[in-house]
């Protein structure tokens, strides 16, 4: 079986595909001046783009991992998440508080998606 890598960069690629499953890298906002809602919107848009490049979509997400720099932002992130996620195809999900790579980063999300 072939492994497909999407947008390889210096230390990672945006996604890898193997055996009909797409694994995204953790996506973060590019405009870190925004609040958690704005950053979450950016991250989910980036996920949409990566999944489209891999030939799949959010309705096929199997699992999501969400890291928040402050778990108290969970409710605000969830409002954006619920407006974005396919309500008929909710994935398994974990949300945890974590120290992210840049202190201005408020949210990072990675998904595993069927093709």
Protein backbone atom coordinates (compact mmCIF):
# COMPACT_ATOMS: atom_id res chain seq x y z
CA UNK A 1 0.00 0.00 0.00
CA UNK A 2 1.13 3.51 -0.79
CA UNK A 3 1.41 6.33 1.73
CA UNK A 4 0.35 9.70 0.30
CA UNK A 5 1.78 12.84 1.94
CA UNK A 6 0.09 16.20 1.44
CA UNK A 7 2.06 19.45 1.47
CA UNK A 8 5.31 18.11 2.96
CA UNK A 9 7.33 20.74 4.80
CA UNK A 10 10.58 20.84 6.75
CA UNK A 11 9.38 18.94 9.85
CA UNK A 12 5.92 17.62 8.93
CA UNK A 13 3.25 17.42 6.26
CA UNK A 14 -0.29 18.74 6.50
CA UNK A 15 -1.73 15.24 6.18
CA UNK A 16 -0.84 11.66 5.40
CA UNK A 17 -3.10 9.06 3.86
CA UNK A 18 -2.83 5.33 4.22
CA UNK A 19 -5.34 2.58 3.47
CA UNK A 20 -8.22 5.03 2.97
CA UNK A 21 -7.62 6.99 6.18
CA UNK A 22 -6.37 10.59 6.26
CA UNK A 23 -4.46 11.83 9.30
CA UNK A 24 -4.01 15.59 9.58
CA UNK A 25 -1.24 17.36 11.40
CA UNK A 26 -2.31 19.62 14.22
CA UNK A 27 -3.64 22.79 12.62
CA UNK A 28 -3.16 26.18 14.27
CA UNK A 29 -4.24 29.70 13.44
CA UNK A 30 -2.03 31.94 11.33
CA UNK A 31 -3.39 35.19 12.83
CA UNK A 32 -2.55 34.74 16.50
CA UNK A 33 -3.92 38.16 17.44
CA UNK A 34 -7.47 36.75 17.41
CA UNK A 35 -9.36 35.32 20.38
CA UNK A 36 -10.13 31.61 20.72
CA UNK A 37 -13.23 31.90 18.52
CA UNK A 38 -11.31 33.58 15.71
CA UNK A 39 -8.43 31.14 16.00
CA UNK A 40 -10.81 28.16 16.02
CA UNK A 41 -12.50 29.45 12.86
CA UNK A 42 -9.08 29.69 11.18
CA UNK A 43 -8.11 26.20 12.29
CA UNK A 44 -11.35 24.63 11.06
CA UNK A 45 -11.00 26.41 7.71
CA UNK A 46 -7.47 24.99 7.42
CA UNK A 47 -8.81 21.51 8.22
CA UNK A 48 -11.45 21.89 5.49
CA UNK A 49 -8.71 22.81 3.02
CA UNK A 50 -6.44 19.90 3.99
CA UNK A 51 -9.32 17.42 3.82
CA UNK A 52 -10.39 18.76 0.41
CA UNK A 53 -6.83 18.38 -0.87
CA UNK A 54 -6.94 14.76 0.30
CA UNK A 55 -10.31 14.20 -1.39
CA UNK A 56 -12.46 13.94 1.73
CA UNK A 57 -14.56 16.18 3.97
CA UNK A 58 -15.58 16.87 7.56
CA UNK A 59 -18.62 14.56 7.29
CA UNK A 60 -16.15 11.67 7.27
CA UNK A 61 -14.12 12.66 10.33
CA UNK A 62 -13.67 9.67 12.61
CA UNK A 63 -11.79 11.32 15.47
CA UNK A 64 -10.69 14.79 16.55
CA UNK A 65 -8.04 15.80 19.06
CA UNK A 66 -8.30 19.34 20.38
CA UNK A 67 -5.70 21.10 22.49
CA UNK A 68 -6.56 24.35 24.27
CA UNK A 69 -4.00 26.55 25.98
CA UNK A 70 -6.65 27.26 28.63
CA UNK A 71 -9.48 24.75 29.19
CA UNK A 72 -11.69 27.64 30.29
CA UNK A 73 -11.91 28.53 26.58
CA UNK A 74 -13.65 25.22 25.85
CA UNK A 75 -17.16 26.73 25.74
CA UNK A 76 -16.11 29.47 23.28
CA UNK A 77 -14.28 26.94 21.08
CA UNK A 78 -17.29 24.59 21.23
CA UNK A 79 -19.60 27.29 19.83
CA UNK A 80 -17.43 27.54 16.72
CA UNK A 81 -16.98 23.76 16.56
CA UNK A 82 -20.74 23.12 16.71
CA UNK A 83 -21.38 25.65 13.92
CA UNK A 84 -18.80 23.84 11.75
CA UNK A 85 -19.05 20.11 12.47
CA UNK A 86 -21.53 17.92 10.58
CA UNK A 87 -24.25 17.32 13.22
CA UNK A 88 -25.29 14.05 11.56
CA UNK A 89 -21.74 12.68 11.60
CA UNK A 90 -20.17 13.70 14.90
CA UNK A 91 -16.69 12.26 15.42
CA UNK A 92 -15.19 10.81 18.57
CA UNK A 93 -13.38 13.70 20.24
CA UNK A 94 -10.94 14.53 23.00
CA UNK A 95 -10.30 18.03 24.31
CA UNK A 96 -7.46 18.74 26.70
CA UNK A 97 -5.53 21.68 28.09
CA UNK A 98 -1.94 21.83 26.90
CA UNK A 99 0.94 24.23 26.62
CA UNK A 100 1.14 25.00 22.89
CA UNK A 101 4.25 25.82 20.84
CA UNK A 102 3.66 29.59 20.89
CA UNK A 103 2.07 31.29 23.91
CA UNK A 104 -0.22 33.24 21.56
CA UNK A 105 -1.71 30.00 20.22
CA UNK A 106 -5.02 29.25 21.89
CA UNK A 107 -6.19 26.13 20.02
CA UNK A 108 -4.77 23.31 17.92
CA UNK A 109 -6.85 20.60 16.24
CA UNK A 110 -5.94 17.37 14.43
CA UNK A 111 -8.41 14.97 12.85
CA UNK A 112 -8.45 11.45 11.48
CA UNK A 113 -10.80 11.08 8.54
CA UNK A 114 -12.07 8.33 6.25
CA UNK A 115 -11.50 8.89 2.56
